[in-house]
C-alpha atoms as a PDB file:
ATOM      1  CA  MET A   1     -70.133 -89.404  52.966  1.00  0.00           C
ATOM      2  CA  LYS A   2     -70.355 -90.163  49.351  1.00  0.00           C
ATOM      3  CA  LEU A   3     -67.893 -92.677  49.160  1.00  0.00           C
ATOM      4  CA  ILE A   4     -66.541 -93.541  45.276  1.00  0.00           C
ATOM      5  CA  ARG A   5     -64.202 -96.008  43.436  1.00  0.00           C
ATOM      6  CA  HIS A   6     -62.191 -94.471  40.783  1.00  0.00           C
ATOM      7  CA  GLY A   7     -60.103 -95.355  37.662  1.00  0.00           C
ATOM      8  CA  LYS A   8     -59.838 -98.230  35.280  1.00  0.00           C
ATOM      9  CA  LYS A   9     -62.020-100.982  34.841  1.00  0.00           C
ATOM     10  CA  GLY A  10     -60.804-103.499  37.600  1.00  0.00           C
ATOM     11  CA  ARG A  11     -58.218-101.695  38.846  1.00  0.00           C
ATOM     12  CA  GLU A  12     -60.272 -98.955  40.948  1.00  0.00           C
ATOM     13  CA  LEU A  13     -59.002 -96.826  44.175  1.00  0.00           C
ATOM     14  CA  PRO A  14     -61.274 -96.316  46.862  1.00  0.00           C
ATOM     15  CA  GLY A  15     -62.259 -92.534  47.095  1.00  0.00           C
ATOM     16  CA  LEU A  16     -65.076 -90.099  48.169  1.00  0.00           C
ATOM     17  CA  VAL A  17     -66.564 -86.870  47.012  1.00  0.00           C
ATOM     18  CA  ASP A  18     -65.665 -84.030  49.888  1.00  0.00           C
ATOM     19  CA  ARG A  19     -68.193 -81.361  51.007  1.00  0.00           C
ATOM     20  CA  ASP A  20     -67.352 -78.801  48.098  1.00  0.00           C
ATOM     21  CA  GLY A  21     -67.953 -81.708  45.266  1.00  0.00           C
ATOM     22  CA  ARG A  22     -64.569 -82.722  44.733  1.00  0.00           C
ATOM     23  CA  LEU A  23     -63.378 -86.347  44.062  1.00  0.00           C
ATOM     24  CA  ARG A  24     -60.462 -87.188  46.764  1.00  0.00           C
ATOM     25  CA  ASP A  25     -58.271 -90.256  46.822  1.00  0.00           C
ATOM     26  CA  LEU A  26     -58.574 -92.791  50.027  1.00  0.00           C
ATOM     27  CA  SER A  27     -55.802 -95.381  48.799  1.00  0.00           C
ATOM     28  CA  GLN A  28     -53.402 -94.230  50.876  1.00  0.00           C
ATOM     29  CA  SER A  29     -55.838 -94.451  54.243  1.00  0.00           C
ATOM     30  CA  ILE A  30     -57.840 -97.405  53.170  1.00  0.00           C
ATOM     31  CA  ASP A  31     -57.526-100.760  50.956  1.00  0.00           C
ATOM     32  CA  ASP A  32     -61.233-100.737  49.319  1.00  0.00           C
ATOM     33  CA  ILE A  33     -64.539-100.186  49.787  1.00  0.00           C
ATOM     34  CA  ASP A  34     -65.521-103.959  50.018  1.00  0.00           C
ATOM     35  CA  ALA A  35     -67.176-106.846  51.543  1.00  0.00           C
ATOM     36  CA  ARG A  36     -64.596-107.190  54.145  1.00  0.00           C
ATOM     37  CA  SER A  37     -63.544-103.589  54.811  1.00  0.00           C
ATOM     38  CA  LEU A  38     -67.560-102.765  55.690  1.00  0.00           C
ATOM     39  CA  GLY A  39     -67.229-105.296  57.803  1.00  0.00           C
ATOM     40  CA  ASP A  40     -64.691-103.925  59.569  1.00  0.00           C
ATOM     41  CA  GLY A  41     -65.842-100.706  59.930  1.00  0.00           C
ATOM     42  CA  VAL A  42     -64.129 -98.935  57.151  1.00  0.00           C
ATOM     43  CA  ILE A  43     -66.801 -96.397  57.254  1.00  0.00           C
ATOM     44  CA  ASP A  44     -65.905 -95.546  60.843  1.00  0.00           C
ATOM     45  CA  ARG A  45     -62.396 -94.969  59.550  1.00  0.00           C
ATOM     46  CA  ILE A  46     -63.132 -92.908  56.919  1.00  0.00           C
ATOM     47  CA  ALA A  47     -65.614 -90.682  58.626  1.00  0.00           C
ATOM     48  CA  VAL A  48     -62.435 -89.200  61.040  1.00  0.00           C
ATOM     49  CA  LEU A  49     -60.411 -88.384  58.106  1.00  0.00           C
ATOM     50  CA  ASP A  50     -59.771 -84.639  57.137  1.00  0.00           C
ATOM     51  CA  SER A  51     -60.959 -84.908  53.562  1.00  0.00           C
ATOM     52  CA  ASP A  52     -58.958 -81.636  52.624  1.00  0.00           C
ATOM     53  CA  LYS A  53     -55.642 -83.204  52.457  1.00  0.00           C
ATOM     54  CA  LEU A  54     -56.535 -86.317  50.840  1.00  0.00           C
ATOM     55  CA  PRO A  55     -55.080 -85.985  47.188  1.00  0.00           C
ATOM     56  CA  GLU A  56     -57.570 -84.592  44.712  1.00  0.00           C
ATOM     57  CA  ILE A  57     -58.871 -86.838  41.846  1.00  0.00           C
ATOM     58  CA  ASP A  58     -59.692 -85.281  38.249  1.00  0.00           C
ATOM     59  CA  PRO A  59     -63.192 -84.814  38.260  1.00  0.00           C
ATOM     60  CA  GLU A  60     -62.712 -86.959  34.331  1.00  0.00           C
ATOM     61  CA  THR A  61     -61.974 -89.672  35.623  1.00  0.00           C
ATOM     62  CA  ARG A  62     -63.799 -92.838  35.595  1.00  0.00           C
ATOM     63  CA  LEU A  63     -66.051 -93.908  38.625  1.00  0.00           C
ATOM     64  CA  GLY A  64     -66.615 -97.673  39.014  1.00  0.00           C
ATOM     65  CA  PRO A  65     -69.139 -99.568  41.429  1.00  0.00           C
ATOM     66  CA  PRO A  66     -68.603 -97.938  44.728  1.00  0.00           C
ATOM     67  CA  LEU A  67     -68.579-101.126  46.161  1.00  0.00           C
ATOM     68  CA  VAL A  68     -66.344-104.247  45.297  1.00  0.00           C
ATOM     69  CA  GLY A  69     -66.727-107.970  46.254  1.00  0.00           C
ATOM     70  CA  VAL A  70     -70.416-107.948  46.855  1.00  0.00           C
ATOM     71  CA  GLY A  71     -71.221-111.706  48.110  1.00  0.00           C
ATOM     72  CA  LYS A  72     -75.319-111.209  46.509  1.00  0.00           C
ATOM     73  CA  VAL A  73     -77.650-108.741  45.290  1.00  0.00           C
ATOM     74  CA  VAL A  74     -81.245-109.731  46.689  1.00  0.00           C
ATOM     75  CA  CYS A  75     -84.106-108.038  44.892  1.00  0.00           C
ATOM     76  CA  ILE A  76     -87.616-107.244  45.789  1.00  0.00           C
ATOM     77  CA  GLY A  77     -90.113-107.430  42.739  1.00  0.00           C
ATOM     78  CA  LEU A  78     -93.485-105.218  42.586  1.00  0.00           C
ATOM     79  CA  ASN A  79     -92.387-103.187  45.659  1.00  0.00           C
ATOM     80  CA  TYR A  80     -94.530-100.063  43.755  1.00  0.00           C
ATOM     81  CA  SER A  81     -97.841-101.339  43.972  1.00  0.00           C
ATOM     82  CA  ASP A  82     -98.869 -98.980  40.372  1.00  0.00           C
ATOM     83  CA  HIS A  83     -95.832-100.636  38.990  1.00  0.00           C
ATOM     84  CA  ALA A  84     -97.304-104.280  39.922  1.00  0.00           C
ATOM     85  CA  GLU A  85    -100.748-102.260  38.737  1.00  0.00           C
ATOM     86  CA  GLU A  86     -98.998-101.824  35.453  1.00  0.00           C
ATOM     87  CA  ALA A  87     -97.314-105.248  35.014  1.00  0.00           C
ATOM     88  CA  GLY A  88    -100.824-107.029  35.515  1.00  0.00           C
ATOM     89  CA  MET A  89     -99.851-108.657  38.622  1.00  0.00           C
ATOM     90  CA  PRO A  90    -101.551-108.629  41.705  1.00  0.00           C
ATOM     91  CA  ILE A  91    -100.437-106.198  44.753  1.00  0.00           C
ATOM     92  CA  PRO A  92     -98.174-108.352  46.816  1.00  0.00           C
ATOM     93  CA  SER A  93     -98.530-109.406  50.440  1.00  0.00           C
ATOM     94  CA  GLU A  94     -95.321-110.199  51.224  1.00  0.00           C
ATOM     95  CA  PRO A  95     -91.672-109.110  49.265  1.00  0.00           C
ATOM     96  CA  VAL A  96     -91.205-111.082  46.095  1.00  0.00           C
ATOM     97  CA  VAL A  97     -87.548-112.030  46.627  1.00  0.00           C
ATOM     98  CA  PHE A  98     -85.173-112.716  43.511  1.00  0.00           C
ATOM     99  CA  MET A  99     -81.586-112.526  43.102  1.00  0.00           C
ATOM    100  CA  LYS A 100     -79.639-110.743  40.373  1.00  0.00           C
ATOM    101  CA  ALA A 101     -76.065-112.126  39.537  1.00  0.00           C
ATOM    102  CA  PRO A 102     -73.162-110.198  41.528  1.00  0.00           C
ATOM    103  CA  THR A 103     -71.370-110.782  38.025  1.00  0.00           C
ATOM    104  CA  ALA A 104     -74.010-108.180  36.772  1.00  0.00           C
ATOM    105  CA  ILE A 105     -72.454-105.076  38.702  1.00  0.00           C
ATOM    106  CA  SER A 106     -70.966-102.354  36.535  1.00  0.00           C
ATOM    107  CA  GLY A 107     -70.501 -98.620  36.902  1.00  0.00           C
ATOM    108  CA  PRO A 108     -72.102 -95.722  36.611  1.00  0.00           C
ATOM    109  CA  ARG A 109     -71.643 -94.745  33.546  1.00  0.00           C
ATOM    110  CA  ASP A 110     -70.374 -97.772  31.831  1.00  0.00           C
ATOM    111  CA  PRO A 111     -71.656 -99.457  28.634  1.00  0.00           C
ATOM    112  CA  VAL A 112     -75.192-101.607  29.183  1.00  0.00           C
ATOM    113  CA  LEU A 113     -74.258-104.386  26.939  1.00  0.00           C
ATOM    114  CA  TYR A 114     -76.887-105.662  24.391  1.00  0.00           C
ATOM    115  CA  PRO A 115     -76.726-109.455  24.153  1.00  0.00           C
ATOM    116  CA  PRO A 116     -77.324-111.288  20.996  1.00  0.00           C
ATOM    117  CA  ASP A 117     -80.643-112.524  20.850  1.00  0.00           C
ATOM    118  CA  ALA A 118     -82.082-109.675  22.964  1.00  0.00           C
ATOM    119  CA  SER A 119     -85.418-108.535  22.232  1.00  0.00           C
ATOM    120  CA  LYS A 120     -86.993-106.859  25.031  1.00  0.00           C
ATOM    121  CA  LEU A 121     -84.322-105.034  26.883  1.00  0.00           C
ATOM    122  CA  ASP A 122     -85.889-102.770  29.506  1.00  0.00           C
ATOM    123  CA  TRP A 123     -84.827-100.552  32.293  1.00  0.00           C
ATOM    124  CA  GLU A 124     -85.780 -99.983  36.472  1.00  0.00           C
ATOM    125  CA  VAL A 125     -84.326 -97.160  38.256  1.00  0.00           C
ATOM    126  CA  GLU A 126     -84.410 -98.523  41.798  1.00  0.00           C
ATOM    127  CA  LEU A 127     -83.011 -97.640  45.676  1.00  0.00           C
ATOM    128  CA  ALA A 128     -80.529-100.170  46.859  1.00  0.00           C
ATOM    129  CA  PHE A 129     -78.927-100.460  50.141  1.00  0.00           C
ATOM    130  CA  ALA A 130     -75.649-102.052  51.341  1.00  0.00           C
ATOM    131  CA  ILE A 131     -75.465-104.061  54.300  1.00  0.00           C
ATOM    132  CA  GLY A 132     -72.684-103.192  56.701  1.00  0.00           C
ATOM    133  CA  LYS A 133     -73.407-105.363  59.620  1.00  0.00           C
ATOM    134  CA  THR A 134     -74.022-109.156  59.723  1.00  0.00           C
ATOM    135  CA  ALA A 135     -78.302-109.405  59.625  1.00  0.00           C
ATOM    136  CA  ARG A 136     -79.729-112.657  60.850  1.00  0.00           C
ATOM    137  CA  HIS A 137     -83.089-112.768  62.027  1.00  0.00           C
ATOM    138  CA  VAL A 138     -82.762-108.766  62.934  1.00  0.00           C
ATOM    139  CA  ALA A 139     -85.935-106.917  65.299  1.00  0.00           C
ATOM    140  CA  ALA A 140     -87.344-104.481  62.922  1.00  0.00           C
ATOM    141  CA  GLU A 141     -86.093-101.772  65.503  1.00  0.00           C
ATOM    142  CA  ASP A 142     -82.698-102.595  65.053  1.00  0.00           C
ATOM    143  CA  ALA A 143     -82.875-103.151  61.463  1.00  0.00           C
ATOM    144  CA  MET A 144     -81.796 -99.614  60.011  1.00  0.00           C
ATOM    145  CA  GLY A 145     -78.120-100.017  62.112  1.00  0.00           C
ATOM    146  CA  HIS A 146     -77.111-102.710  59.688  1.00  0.00           C
ATOM    147  CA  ILE A 147     -77.054-100.315  56.688  1.00  0.00           C
ATOM    148  CA  ALA A 148     -73.580 -99.359  55.479  1.00  0.00           C
ATOM    149  CA  GLY A 149     -75.225 -97.064  52.926  1.00  0.00           C
ATOM    150  CA  TYR A 150     -77.436 -96.207  49.744  1.00  0.00           C
ATOM    151  CA  MET A 151     -76.876 -96.120  45.839  1.00  0.00           C
ATOM    152  CA  VAL A 152     -78.482 -95.770  42.758  1.00  0.00           C
ATOM    153  CA  LEU A 153     -79.103 -98.983  40.902  1.00  0.00           C
ATOM    154  CA  ASN A 154     -80.760 -99.616  37.365  1.00  0.00           C
ATOM    155  CA  ASP A 155     -82.197-103.451  37.572  1.00  0.00           C
ATOM    156  CA  VAL A 156     -81.544-103.672  33.712  1.00  0.00           C
ATOM    157  CA  SER A 157     -83.939-106.593  32.524  1.00  0.00           C
ATOM    158  CA  GLU A 158     -84.044-108.776  29.302  1.00  0.00           C
ATOM    159  CA  ARG A 159     -88.282-109.287  29.666  1.00  0.00           C
ATOM    160  CA  GLY A 160     -87.465-112.064  26.855  1.00  0.00           C
ATOM    161  CA  TYR A 161     -85.241-114.194  29.313  1.00  0.00           C
ATOM    162  CA  GLN A 162     -87.097-113.034  32.232  1.00  0.00           C
ATOM    163  CA  LEU A 163     -90.726-113.902  31.063  1.00  0.00           C
ATOM    164  CA  ASP A 164     -90.775-116.244  28.177  1.00  0.00           C
ATOM    165  CA  ARG A 165     -87.742-118.778  28.734  1.00  0.00           C
ATOM    166  CA  GLY A 166     -89.245-120.022  31.681  1.00  0.00           C
ATOM    167  CA  GLY A 167     -88.203-120.502  35.191  1.00  0.00           C
ATOM    168  CA  GLN A 168     -87.111-117.693  38.232  1.00  0.00           C
ATOM    169  CA  TRP A 169     -86.986-114.012  36.722  1.00  0.00           C
ATOM    170  CA  THR A 170     -83.015-114.259  37.710  1.00  0.00           C
ATOM    171  CA  LYS A 171     -82.052-115.411  34.234  1.00  0.00           C
ATOM    172  CA  GLY A 172     -83.514-111.972  32.831  1.00  0.00           C
ATOM    173  CA  LYS A 173     -81.310-109.841  35.264  1.00  0.00           C
ATOM    174  CA  SER A 174     -78.385-111.460  35.328  1.00  0.00           C
ATOM    175  CA  TYR A 175     -76.454-110.621  32.146  1.00  0.00           C
ATOM    176  CA  ASP A 176     -73.119-108.747  32.507  1.00  0.00           C
ATOM    177  CA  SER A 177     -73.454-105.000  32.841  1.00  0.00           C
ATOM    178  CA  PHE A 178     -77.429-105.537  33.957  1.00  0.00           C
ATOM    179  CA  CYS A 179     -76.683-104.173  37.544  1.00  0.00           C
ATOM    180  CA  PRO A 180     -75.145-100.750  37.358  1.00  0.00           C
ATOM    181  CA  ILE A 181     -74.444 -98.707  40.869  1.00  0.00           C
ATOM    182  CA  GLY A 182     -73.409 -95.545  41.885  1.00  0.00           C
ATOM    183  CA  PRO A 183     -72.065 -93.178  41.288  1.00  0.00           C
ATOM    184  CA  TRP A 184     -71.869 -92.851  44.928  1.00  0.00           C
ATOM    185  CA  LEU A 185     -72.498 -95.470  47.885  1.00  0.00           C
ATOM    186  CA  VAL A 186     -74.137 -92.581  50.352  1.00  0.00           C
ATOM    187  CA  THR A 187     -73.590 -93.087  54.026  1.00  0.00           C
ATOM    188  CA  PRO A 188     -77.421 -92.883  55.852  1.00  0.00           C
ATOM    189  CA  ASP A 189     -75.964 -89.885  57.838  1.00  0.00           C
ATOM    190  CA  GLU A 190     -76.347 -87.736  55.025  1.00  0.00           C
ATOM    191  CA  ILE A 191     -80.195 -89.594  53.822  1.00  0.00           C
ATOM    192  CA  SER A 192     -82.547 -88.278  56.200  1.00  0.00           C
ATOM    193  CA  SER A 193     -85.130 -90.589  55.048  1.00  0.00           C
ATOM    194  CA  PRO A 194     -84.486 -93.343  52.356  1.00  0.00           C
ATOM    195  CA  ASN A 195     -88.402 -93.877  52.456  1.00  0.00           C
ATOM    196  CA  ASP A 196     -88.729 -90.315  50.702  1.00  0.00           C
ATOM    197  CA  LEU A 197     -86.500 -89.718  47.538  1.00  0.00           C
ATOM    198  CA  PRO A 198     -87.839 -88.709  44.526  1.00  0.00           C
ATOM    199  CA  ILE A 199     -86.628 -91.478  41.745  1.00  0.00           C
ATOM    200  CA  TRP A 200     -86.678 -91.316  38.053  1.00  0.00           C
ATOM    201  CA  LEU A 201     -85.782 -92.504  34.295  1.00  0.00           C
ATOM    202  CA  GLU A 202     -85.058 -90.958  31.173  1.00  0.00           C
ATOM    203  CA  VAL A 203     -84.700 -93.018  27.480  1.00  0.00           C
ATOM    204  CA  ASN A 204     -83.193 -90.438  25.334  1.00  0.00           C
ATOM    205  CA  GLY A 205     -84.132 -87.371  27.048  1.00  0.00           C
ATOM    206  CA  ARG A 206     -88.198 -88.716  27.242  1.00  0.00           C
ATOM    207  CA  ARG A 207     -88.881 -89.334  30.993  1.00  0.00           C
ATOM    208  CA  PHE A 208     -90.628 -92.468  31.666  1.00  0.00           C
ATOM    209  CA  GLN A 209     -90.153 -93.129  35.454  1.00  0.00           C
ATOM    210  CA  ASP A 210     -90.963 -90.236  37.696  1.00  0.00           C
ATOM    211  CA  GLY A 211     -91.800 -91.571  41.181  1.00  0.00           C
ATOM    212  CA  ASN A 212     -90.988 -91.582  45.018  1.00  0.00           C
ATOM    213  CA  THR A 213     -89.611 -94.176  47.442  1.00  0.00           C
ATOM    214  CA  ALA A 214     -92.343 -93.292  49.560  1.00  0.00           C
ATOM    215  CA  THR A 215     -94.943 -95.183  47.601  1.00  0.00           C
ATOM    216  CA  MET A 216     -92.844 -98.544  48.135  1.00  0.00           C
ATOM    217  CA  ILE A 217     -95.218-101.162  49.420  1.00  0.00           C
ATOM    218  CA  PHE A 218     -92.755-102.410  52.113  1.00  0.00           C
ATOM    219  CA  ASP A 219     -90.058 -99.862  53.326  1.00  0.00           C
ATOM    220  CA  VAL A 220     -86.630-100.100  53.829  1.00  0.00           C
ATOM    221  CA  GLY A 221     -85.960-100.896  57.125  1.00  0.00           C
ATOM    222  CA  TYR A 222     -89.110-103.445  56.984  1.00  0.00           C
ATOM    223  CA  LEU A 223     -86.918-105.438  53.833  1.00  0.00           C
ATOM    224  CA  VAL A 224     -84.143-106.059  56.564  1.00  0.00           C
ATOM    225  CA  ALA A 225     -85.855-107.604  58.882  1.00  0.00           C
ATOM    226  CA  TYR A 226     -87.897-109.663  56.738  1.00  0.00           C
ATOM    227  CA  LEU A 227     -85.065-110.696  54.580  1.00  0.00           C
ATOM    228  CA  SER A 228     -83.430-111.931  56.726  1.00  0.00           C
ATOM    229  CA  ARG A 229     -85.834-114.611  58.408  1.00  0.00           C
ATOM    230  CA  PHE A 230     -85.070-116.238  55.222  1.00  0.00           C
ATOM    231  CA  MET A 231     -81.519-115.580  54.726  1.00  0.00           C
ATOM    232  CA  THR A 232     -78.314-113.987  56.172  1.00  0.00           C
ATOM    233  CA  LEU A 233     -77.433-110.735  55.133  1.00  0.00           C
ATOM    234  CA  LEU A 234     -73.390-110.404  55.166  1.00  0.00           C
ATOM    235  CA  PRO A 235     -71.885-106.809  54.782  1.00  0.00           C
ATOM    236  CA  GLY A 236     -71.213-105.990  51.363  1.00  0.00           C
ATOM    237  CA  ASP A 237     -74.378-107.998  50.269  1.00  0.00           C
ATOM    238  CA  ILE A 238     -76.829-105.181  48.088  1.00  0.00           C
ATOM    239  CA  VAL A 239     -80.377-105.293  48.552  1.00  0.00           C
ATOM    240  CA  THR A 240     -82.656-103.593  45.758  1.00  0.00           C
ATOM    241  CA  THR A 241     -86.162-102.246  46.143  1.00  0.00           C
ATOM    242  CA  GLY A 242     -87.730-102.635  43.439  1.00  0.00           C
ATOM    243  CA  THR A 243     -89.125 -99.839  40.719  1.00  0.00           C
ATOM    244  CA  PRO A 244     -91.689 -97.004  40.383  1.00  0.00           C
ATOM    245  CA  PRO A 245     -94.131 -97.428  37.037  1.00  0.00           C
ATOM    246  CA  GLY A 246     -92.690 -96.251  33.922  1.00  0.00           C
ATOM    247  CA  VAL A 247     -90.733 -99.374  32.602  1.00  0.00           C
ATOM    248  CA  GLY A 248     -90.650-100.164  29.064  1.00  0.00           C
ATOM    249  CA  LEU A 249     -92.939-102.931  29.520  1.00  0.00           C
ATOM    250  CA  GLY A 250     -96.139-101.116  30.683  1.00  0.00           C
ATOM    251  CA  VAL A 251     -95.918 -98.750  28.114  1.00  0.00           C
ATOM    252  CA  ARG A 252     -99.363 -98.441  26.299  1.00  0.00           C
ATOM    253  CA  PRO A 253    -100.422 -98.956  23.680  1.00  0.00           C
ATOM    254  CA  GLU A 254     -97.663-101.220  22.652  1.00  0.00           C
ATOM    255  CA  PRO A 255     -94.127-101.754  25.358  1.00  0.00           C
ATOM    256  CA  VAL A 256     -91.360 -99.419  24.085  1.00  0.00           C
ATOM    257  CA  PHE A 257     -87.779-101.364  24.727  1.00  0.00           C
ATOM    258  CA  LEU A 258     -84.270-100.300  24.658  1.00  0.00           C
ATOM    259  CA  ASN A 259     -82.058-100.537  21.370  1.00  0.00           C
ATOM    260  CA  ILE A 260     -78.466-100.445  20.487  1.00  0.00           C
ATOM    261  CA  GLY A 261     -77.708 -96.929  21.004  1.00  0.00           C
ATOM    262  CA  ASP A 262     -80.245 -96.099  23.072  1.00  0.00           C
ATOM    263  CA  GLN A 263     -79.045 -93.655  26.456  1.00  0.00           C
ATOM    264  CA  MET A 264     -80.811 -93.789  30.021  1.00  0.00           C
ATOM    265  CA  ARG A 265     -80.164 -90.727  32.621  1.00  0.00           C
ATOM    266  CA  LEU A 266     -81.555 -92.114  36.300  1.00  0.00           C
ATOM    267  CA  GLY A 267     -81.227 -90.439  39.424  1.00  0.00           C
ATOM    268  CA  ILE A 268     -82.514 -90.534  42.921  1.00  0.00           C
ATOM    269  CA  ASP A 269     -82.121 -87.475  45.069  1.00  0.00           C
ATOM    270  CA  GLY A 270     -79.480 -86.954  47.298  1.00  0.00           C
ATOM    271  CA  LEU A 271     -78.163 -90.234  45.936  1.00  0.00           C
ATOM    272  CA  GLY A 272     -76.422 -89.220  42.174  1.00  0.00           C
ATOM    273  CA  GLU A 273     -76.949 -89.771  38.649  1.00  0.00           C
ATOM    274  CA  GLN A 274     -76.420 -92.419  36.104  1.00  0.00           C
ATOM    275  CA  LEU A 275     -75.533 -91.971  32.583  1.00  0.00           C
ATOM    276  CA  LEU A 276     -75.727 -95.361  30.191  1.00  0.00           C
ATOM    277  CA  GLN A 277     -75.472 -95.839  27.185  1.00  0.00           C
ATOM    278  CA  VAL A 278     -76.372 -99.941  25.814  1.00  0.00           C
ATOM    279  CA  VAL A 279     -74.114-101.380  23.194  1.00  0.00           C
ATOM    280  CA  ALA A 280     -73.845-104.511  21.320  1.00  0.00           C
ATOM    281  CA  ASP A 281     -72.096-107.134  23.245  1.00  0.00           C
ATOM    282  CA  GLY A 282     -68.841-107.293  21.280  1.00  0.00           C
ATOM    283  CA  HIS A 283     -67.822-110.444  22.909  1.00  0.00           C
ATOM    284  CA  ALA A 284     -71.001-112.670  22.725  1.00  0.00           C
ATOM    285  CA  PRO A 285     -70.374-115.555  20.445  1.00  0.00           C
END
């Protein structure tokens, strides 16, 4: 299934994409697609519904984040060896872990805000997954059973905050709108192998990233088991798995960064596409 949330920002309703690509409303069947409902087995309840009998949604309606109530966004850095190389960093022997604030989450076509003192705004297309069952000290052979679904995530990063302002990477990753997810939360039955998916990103029509999740150093199952040794993963938590080469910071001879008005288009096979425009943050002081 391809699960969505649709409608005005902050007032989204649950829905799905049927087998013919039409948007269907689920608000009469479930309350929402959130951390609580994932833990209560909402996906199993949706699976038995006849999608043809669900109300159809205007295809032009706004799609919000396909998951709400996210407790934490756990990020894996430098998980593609060629990306580590372009960043001038050693290939990690264990996953590099950092966090992204859940307040950064936005929809797949929502504006990306340009902070007033930004200078090095960058992109990172990533495969992300949502936890559907509490994971604590999970065995490797059981890891995949803890995943509720997969989605596209853009790990938007202000490199000035991340690299020039001291401390951990989190401050460069957590500004409002720096975590677009969706358009869909795709259940595992539709993804034969999350570890073999073409993944790409374009800026203003120019393709910068063009990779495959098969080149991840640490695959999806490994990450679930590994992270569950260091923290409890709860239903609704998001784990994002790193980015292939082609980020703006790595462009040679000079880095390329985003400016106000730039447009990003990105996607992963089977998980849909995002279309994002960079806009000035009119609410910033």
